[in-house]
N, C-alpha and C. Protein backbone atom coordinates (compact mmCIF):
# COMPACT_ATOMS: atom_id res chain seq x y z
N MET A 1 158.86 161.88 45.70
CA MET A 1 159.58 160.89 46.27
C MET A 1 160.43 160.18 45.31
N THR A 2 161.61 160.12 46.58
CA THR A 2 162.76 159.51 45.78
C THR A 2 162.36 157.95 44.79
N LEU A 3 163.66 157.30 44.33
CA LEU A 3 163.31 155.99 44.23
C LEU A 3 163.45 155.24 45.31
N THR A 4 164.69 155.52 45.78
CA THR A 4 164.71 154.69 47.10
C THR A 4 163.51 154.33 48.05
N ALA A 5 162.56 155.71 48.63
CA ALA A 5 161.50 156.27 49.20
C ALA A 5 160.73 155.24 48.42
N PHE A 6 160.77 155.05 47.17
CA PHE A 6 159.08 154.06 46.95
C PHE A 6 159.38 153.45 46.85
N LEU A 7 160.96 152.55 47.27
CA LEU A 7 161.44 151.04 46.90
C LEU A 7 160.61 151.01 48.53
N GLU A 8 161.27 151.68 48.98
CA GLU A 8 160.77 151.29 50.87
C GLU A 8 159.47 151.08 50.63
N GLN A 9 158.40 152.08 50.72
CA GLN A 9 157.89 152.23 51.02
C GLN A 9 156.73 150.83 50.34
N HIS A 10 157.21 150.59 49.06
CA HIS A 10 155.98 149.93 48.72
C HIS A 10 156.63 147.97 49.17
N HIS A 11 158.13 147.67 49.72
CA HIS A 11 158.65 147.06 49.99
C HIS A 11 158.93 145.88 48.53
N ILE A 12 159.52 146.23 47.80
CA ILE A 12 159.74 146.23 46.51
C ILE A 12 161.19 145.52 46.75
N THR A 13 161.91 143.99 46.25
CA THR A 13 162.68 143.78 46.75
C THR A 13 163.10 142.98 45.59
N MET A 14 164.09 142.39 45.06
CA MET A 14 164.81 141.27 44.12
C MET A 14 165.71 140.28 44.51
N THR A 15 166.01 139.41 43.52
CA THR A 15 167.05 138.07 43.61
C THR A 15 167.49 138.30 42.37
N THR A 16 168.60 138.10 42.30
CA THR A 16 169.32 137.93 40.56
C THR A 16 169.71 136.52 40.26
N HIS A 17 169.94 136.02 39.65
CA HIS A 17 170.53 134.90 39.08
C HIS A 17 171.50 135.17 37.50
N SER A 18 172.63 135.02 37.47
CA SER A 18 173.36 135.45 36.20
C SER A 18 173.18 134.58 35.08
N VAL A 19 173.12 134.19 33.83
CA VAL A 19 172.79 134.23 32.86
C VAL A 19 173.69 134.18 31.51
N ARG A 20 173.14 132.71 30.76
CA ARG A 20 174.86 132.69 29.54
C ARG A 20 173.98 134.04 29.02
N GLU A 21 173.13 134.34 28.48
CA GLU A 21 172.53 135.54 27.44
C GLU A 21 170.80 136.07 27.52
N ASN A 22 170.97 137.34 27.31
CA ASN A 22 169.84 138.13 27.05
C ASN A 22 168.92 137.66 26.05
N PRO A 23 167.99 137.03 25.86
CA PRO A 23 167.39 136.51 25.20
C PRO A 23 167.01 137.54 24.05
N PHE A 24 166.66 138.70 24.83
CA PHE A 24 165.79 139.64 24.00
C PHE A 24 167.18 140.83 23.69
N MET A 25 168.35 140.24 23.71
CA MET A 25 169.12 141.54 23.30
C MET A 25 170.15 140.47 21.87
N ASP A 26 170.91 141.24 20.95
CA ASP A 26 171.12 140.55 19.94
C ASP A 26 172.92 141.57 19.99
N ASN A 27 173.90 140.54 19.69
CA ASN A 27 175.39 140.66 20.01
C ASN A 27 175.62 141.83 21.46
N SER A 28 175.37 140.16 22.29
CA SER A 28 175.37 140.98 23.33
C SER A 28 176.44 140.31 23.79
N GLN A 29 177.08 140.28 23.59
CA GLN A 29 178.23 138.94 24.02
C GLN A 29 179.33 139.90 25.74
N SER A 30 179.52 140.99 24.88
CA SER A 30 180.26 141.72 25.72
C SER A 30 179.90 142.64 27.11
N MET A 31 178.49 141.23 27.95
CA MET A 31 177.94 142.25 28.75
C MET A 31 177.35 140.59 29.91
N ASN A 32 177.11 141.40 30.30
CA ASN A 32 176.99 140.41 32.06
C ASN A 32 175.06 140.71 32.00
N HIS A 33 175.03 139.08 32.04
CA HIS A 33 173.64 139.05 31.88
C HIS A 33 172.91 138.38 33.17
N TRP A 34 172.01 138.84 33.34
CA TRP A 34 170.76 138.74 34.61
C TRP A 34 169.94 138.32 34.31
N LYS A 35 168.80 137.72 35.01
CA LYS A 35 167.78 136.93 35.35
C LYS A 35 167.42 137.68 36.68
N CYS A 36 166.19 138.54 36.44
CA CYS A 36 166.12 139.14 37.97
C CYS A 36 164.11 139.09 38.23
N ARG A 37 164.26 138.58 39.51
CA ARG A 37 163.16 138.58 39.69
C ARG A 37 162.66 139.44 41.31
N LEU A 38 162.12 140.16 40.13
CA LEU A 38 161.11 141.32 41.47
C LEU A 38 159.84 141.40 41.93
N ARG A 39 159.85 141.70 43.67
CA ARG A 39 158.69 141.11 44.30
C ARG A 39 158.24 142.15 44.63
N CYS A 40 157.01 142.20 45.28
CA CYS A 40 156.31 143.80 45.69
C CYS A 40 154.53 142.79 46.37
N GLY A 41 154.69 142.97 47.43
CA GLY A 41 154.06 141.84 48.50
C GLY A 41 154.08 140.36 47.98
N ARG A 42 152.87 139.65 47.19
CA ARG A 42 152.31 138.46 47.15
C ARG A 42 152.42 138.55 45.27
N ASN A 43 152.90 139.98 44.60
CA ASN A 43 153.10 139.95 43.10
C ASN A 43 154.69 139.66 43.39
N ASN A 44 155.36 139.22 41.47
CA ASN A 44 156.38 139.30 41.51
C ASN A 44 156.34 139.35 39.70
N MET A 45 157.68 139.98 39.15
CA MET A 45 157.70 139.57 37.93
C MET A 45 159.31 139.07 37.98
N THR A 46 158.91 138.56 37.04
CA THR A 46 160.93 138.54 36.36
C THR A 46 160.98 139.47 34.37
N VAL A 47 162.36 139.86 34.93
CA VAL A 47 163.10 140.07 33.21
C VAL A 47 164.40 139.90 32.84
N TYR A 48 165.07 139.61 32.24
CA TYR A 48 166.07 139.87 32.11
C TYR A 48 166.98 141.37 31.96
N PHE A 49 168.33 141.44 32.51
CA PHE A 49 168.69 142.26 32.47
C PHE A 49 170.38 142.75 32.29
N SER A 50 170.81 143.52 31.81
CA SER A 50 172.48 143.23 30.87
C SER A 50 172.95 144.05 31.99
N LYS A 51 174.37 144.36 32.21
CA LYS A 51 175.19 145.03 32.30
C LYS A 51 176.53 144.96 31.18
N GLY A 52 177.16 145.69 30.82
CA GLY A 52 178.51 145.92 30.03
C GLY A 52 179.75 145.09 31.20
N TYR A 53 180.54 144.63 30.39
CA TYR A 53 181.45 143.90 31.18
C TYR A 53 181.97 145.54 31.88
N GLY A 54 182.28 146.66 31.63
CA GLY A 54 182.92 147.35 32.51
C GLY A 54 182.64 147.16 33.40
N HIS A 55 181.60 146.80 33.94
CA HIS A 55 180.93 147.05 35.87
C HIS A 55 181.21 145.43 36.21
N HIS A 56 182.11 145.23 35.73
CA HIS A 56 182.72 144.15 36.18
C HIS A 56 182.20 142.53 36.99
N GLY A 57 181.12 142.57 36.41
CA GLY A 57 180.09 141.57 37.22
C GLY A 57 179.71 141.66 38.55
N ALA A 58 179.72 143.07 38.26
CA ALA A 58 178.30 143.51 39.53
C ALA A 58 177.04 143.37 39.20
N GLU A 59 176.36 142.43 40.15
CA GLU A 59 174.69 142.13 39.71
C GLU A 59 174.47 143.77 39.98
N PRO A 60 172.92 143.45 39.35
CA PRO A 60 172.55 144.86 39.21
C PRO A 60 171.73 144.80 40.78
N THR A 61 171.47 146.20 41.00
CA THR A 61 170.52 146.35 42.78
C THR A 61 168.97 146.82 41.09
N VAL A 62 168.25 146.44 42.88
CA VAL A 62 166.56 146.71 42.28
C VAL A 62 166.45 148.24 41.98
N ARG A 63 167.12 149.39 42.46
CA ARG A 63 167.05 150.13 41.54
C ARG A 63 167.47 150.43 40.35
N GLU A 64 168.08 149.80 40.01
CA GLU A 64 169.04 150.32 38.63
C GLU A 64 167.77 149.61 37.54
N VAL A 65 167.51 147.97 38.06
CA VAL A 65 166.04 147.58 37.22
C VAL A 65 165.04 148.41 37.21
N LEU A 66 164.55 148.26 38.17
CA LEU A 66 163.24 149.73 38.41
C LEU A 66 163.43 150.29 37.55
N ASP A 67 163.85 151.71 37.89
CA ASP A 67 164.74 153.13 37.06
C ASP A 67 164.12 152.68 35.82
N CYS A 68 165.23 151.41 35.46
CA CYS A 68 165.37 150.77 33.95
C CYS A 68 163.64 150.86 32.76
N LEU A 69 162.60 149.46 33.64
CA LEU A 69 161.72 149.36 33.31
C LEU A 69 160.52 150.16 33.36
N ALA A 70 160.98 151.21 34.26
CA ALA A 70 160.18 152.76 34.99
C ALA A 70 160.16 153.59 33.18
N SER A 71 161.53 153.76 32.71
CA SER A 71 162.06 154.27 31.41
C SER A 71 161.00 153.89 30.21
N ASP A 72 161.72 152.42 30.28
CA ASP A 72 160.74 152.36 29.22
C ASP A 72 159.63 152.02 28.88
N ALA A 73 158.64 152.35 30.05
CA ALA A 73 157.51 151.61 30.74
C ALA A 73 157.02 153.97 29.80
N ALA A 74 157.36 154.02 30.64
CA ALA A 74 156.84 155.84 30.16
C ALA A 74 157.33 155.45 28.79
N THR A 75 158.04 155.37 27.99
CA THR A 75 158.25 155.04 26.55
C THR A 75 157.24 154.96 25.83
N TYR A 76 156.87 153.81 26.13
CA TYR A 76 156.07 152.82 25.73
C TYR A 76 153.97 153.94 25.56
N ASP A 77 154.16 154.43 26.92
CA ASP A 77 152.98 154.72 27.38
C ASP A 77 152.59 155.95 26.23
N ASN A 78 154.25 156.89 26.48
CA ASN A 78 154.28 158.06 25.73
C ASN A 78 154.00 158.14 24.26
N ALA A 79 154.46 157.20 23.73
CA ALA A 79 154.41 157.29 22.44
C ALA A 79 153.08 156.75 21.77
N LYS A 80 151.84 157.45 20.53
CA LYS A 80 151.27 157.73 20.24
C LYS A 80 150.07 155.78 19.92
N ASP A 81 151.95 155.35 19.19
CA ASP A 81 151.62 154.04 18.58
C ASP A 81 153.05 153.29 17.96
N PHE A 82 153.47 152.36 17.51
CA PHE A 82 154.59 151.94 16.99
C PHE A 82 155.28 152.63 16.09
N GLU A 83 154.52 153.18 15.90
CA GLU A 83 155.46 154.23 14.52
C GLU A 83 155.99 155.30 15.25
N ASP A 84 154.92 156.10 16.33
CA ASP A 84 155.92 157.12 16.58
C ASP A 84 156.52 156.62 17.65
N TRP A 85 156.59 155.32 18.50
CA TRP A 85 158.10 155.44 19.20
C TRP A 85 158.70 155.09 18.37
N CYS A 86 158.83 154.61 17.18
CA CYS A 86 159.56 154.38 16.42
C CYS A 86 160.52 155.22 15.73
N ALA A 87 159.43 156.91 14.86
CA ALA A 87 160.39 157.76 15.29
C ALA A 87 160.73 158.41 15.90
N GLU A 88 161.13 157.97 17.37
CA GLU A 88 161.05 159.02 18.59
C GLU A 88 162.33 158.64 18.93
N PHE A 89 163.33 157.23 18.55
CA PHE A 89 163.92 156.07 18.59
C PHE A 89 165.03 156.05 17.66
N GLY A 90 164.61 156.19 16.95
CA GLY A 90 164.89 157.02 15.66
C GLY A 90 165.53 155.26 14.86
N PHE A 91 164.43 153.95 15.17
CA PHE A 91 164.23 152.92 14.75
C PHE A 91 163.38 153.04 13.15
N ASP A 92 163.32 151.97 12.44
CA ASP A 92 162.85 151.59 10.84
C ASP A 92 161.59 150.90 11.46
N SER A 93 160.49 152.14 11.35
CA SER A 93 158.95 151.43 11.72
C SER A 93 158.85 149.67 10.71
N ASP A 94 160.11 149.49 9.98
CA ASP A 94 159.69 148.08 8.52
C ASP A 94 160.31 147.38 9.45
N SER A 95 161.15 147.40 10.72
CA SER A 95 161.90 146.62 10.72
C SER A 95 161.34 145.24 12.07
N ARG A 96 161.88 144.19 11.76
CA ARG A 96 161.46 143.03 12.68
C ARG A 96 162.14 143.52 14.16
N LYS A 97 162.88 143.65 14.17
CA LYS A 97 163.96 143.70 15.31
C LYS A 97 163.08 144.61 16.15
N ALA A 98 162.82 145.99 15.42
CA ALA A 98 161.89 147.32 16.44
C ALA A 98 161.12 146.79 16.97
N GLU A 99 160.31 146.31 15.62
CA GLU A 99 158.45 146.07 16.85
C GLU A 99 158.97 144.69 18.14
N ARG A 100 159.56 143.73 17.80
CA ARG A 100 160.01 142.41 18.57
C ARG A 100 160.36 143.24 20.09
N THR A 101 161.23 144.14 19.64
CA THR A 101 161.71 144.93 21.17
C THR A 101 160.87 145.76 21.97
N TRP A 102 159.61 146.71 20.93
CA TRP A 102 158.13 147.12 21.14
C TRP A 102 157.41 146.10 21.97
N LYS A 103 156.69 145.05 21.70
CA LYS A 103 156.21 144.14 21.96
C LYS A 103 156.97 143.84 23.00
N VAL A 104 158.05 142.87 23.08
CA VAL A 104 158.61 143.28 24.84
C VAL A 104 158.53 144.23 25.70
N ILE A 105 158.76 145.41 25.11
CA ILE A 105 158.57 146.34 26.55
C ILE A 105 157.35 146.68 26.91
N GLY A 106 156.01 146.32 25.76
CA GLY A 106 155.01 146.73 25.74
C GLY A 106 154.30 145.50 27.12
N LYS A 107 155.02 144.06 27.07
CA LYS A 107 154.92 143.19 27.54
C LYS A 107 155.26 143.14 29.56
N GLN A 108 156.53 143.93 29.22
CA GLN A 108 157.06 144.41 30.47
C GLN A 108 156.20 145.65 31.41
N ARG A 109 155.82 145.89 30.66
CA ARG A 109 155.45 147.79 31.17
C ARG A 109 154.12 146.82 31.93
N GLN A 110 153.55 145.70 30.69
CA GLN A 110 151.86 145.01 32.01
C GLN A 110 152.27 144.63 32.94
N SER A 111 153.74 143.25 33.14
CA SER A 111 154.12 143.16 33.87
C SER A 111 154.20 143.50 34.78
N LEU A 112 155.11 145.34 35.19
CA LEU A 112 155.21 145.96 35.99
C LEU A 112 153.79 146.49 36.78
N GLU A 113 152.85 147.11 35.88
CA GLU A 113 152.07 147.56 36.03
C GLU A 113 150.72 146.60 36.49
N ARG A 114 151.19 144.88 36.60
CA ARG A 114 150.72 144.18 37.42
C ARG A 114 151.30 143.65 38.76
N LEU A 115 152.87 144.09 38.78
CA LEU A 115 153.18 144.07 39.63
C LEU A 115 152.92 144.87 41.21
N LEU A 116 153.02 146.08 40.69
CA LEU A 116 152.68 147.20 41.63
C LEU A 116 151.44 148.01 41.88
N GLY A 117 150.55 147.60 40.98
CA GLY A 117 149.24 148.02 41.02
C GLY A 117 148.98 149.34 39.98
N PRO A 118 148.06 149.62 39.12
CA PRO A 118 148.17 151.35 38.57
C PRO A 118 148.21 152.27 39.39
N GLU A 119 148.10 152.16 40.86
CA GLU A 119 148.39 153.66 41.19
C GLU A 119 149.49 154.20 41.40
N ALA A 120 150.81 152.47 42.13
CA ALA A 120 152.13 152.66 42.33
C ALA A 120 152.52 152.81 40.73
N PHE A 121 152.25 152.28 39.98
CA PHE A 121 152.37 152.26 39.06
C PHE A 121 152.93 153.64 37.98
N ASN A 122 151.51 154.06 38.05
CA ASN A 122 151.98 155.49 37.58
C ASN A 122 152.87 156.81 38.71
N GLY A 123 152.29 156.13 39.77
CA GLY A 123 153.47 156.74 40.66
C GLY A 123 154.75 157.05 40.26
N LEU A 124 155.12 156.00 40.36
CA LEU A 124 156.44 155.33 39.85
C LEU A 124 156.97 155.73 38.17
N LEU A 125 156.40 156.10 37.28
CA LEU A 125 156.54 156.23 36.47
C LEU A 125 156.55 158.06 36.24
N TYR A 126 155.45 158.85 36.72
CA TYR A 126 155.40 160.36 36.50
C TYR A 126 156.07 161.14 38.07
N ASP A 127 156.08 160.63 39.25
CA ASP A 127 155.87 160.83 40.55
C ASP A 127 157.92 161.27 40.97
N VAL A 128 157.87 159.82 40.80
CA VAL A 128 159.41 159.60 41.42
C VAL A 128 160.11 160.27 40.86
N GLU A 129 161.39 160.58 41.86
CA GLU A 129 162.49 161.48 41.01
C GLU A 129 163.61 160.90 41.27
N ARG A 130 163.74 160.97 39.73
CA ARG A 130 165.34 159.90 39.58
C ARG A 130 166.75 160.37 40.51
N GLU A 131 167.23 159.92 40.72
CA GLU A 131 168.32 160.07 41.62
C GLU A 131 169.22 160.11 41.31
């Protein structure tokens, strides 16, 4: 199934609001930041999403945001632990910044699973074709 078909099947929508900064990113002055609210049925989740100025202020699409969340969630799930995740992505496991990023991804992963439900969540991570 494609990501577009997944979005349609699960009736996932999103609203966005431009914000001054992404509280989870350092050194992001040269980016546009968005607060995105995804909805799936009665469930919703809010995330920050940032895009470089090369996108000329274009709002993120629900496909972009969901694809990014799914990718991050899969890396979190596939890591044995924090140290394994750090090794995979070249972070220093003694870094507080790396630990902060790991925790944010973990919380977003939980929120995404609550948004979609366990079955759709696993389908998104492991069965949906990226376009």
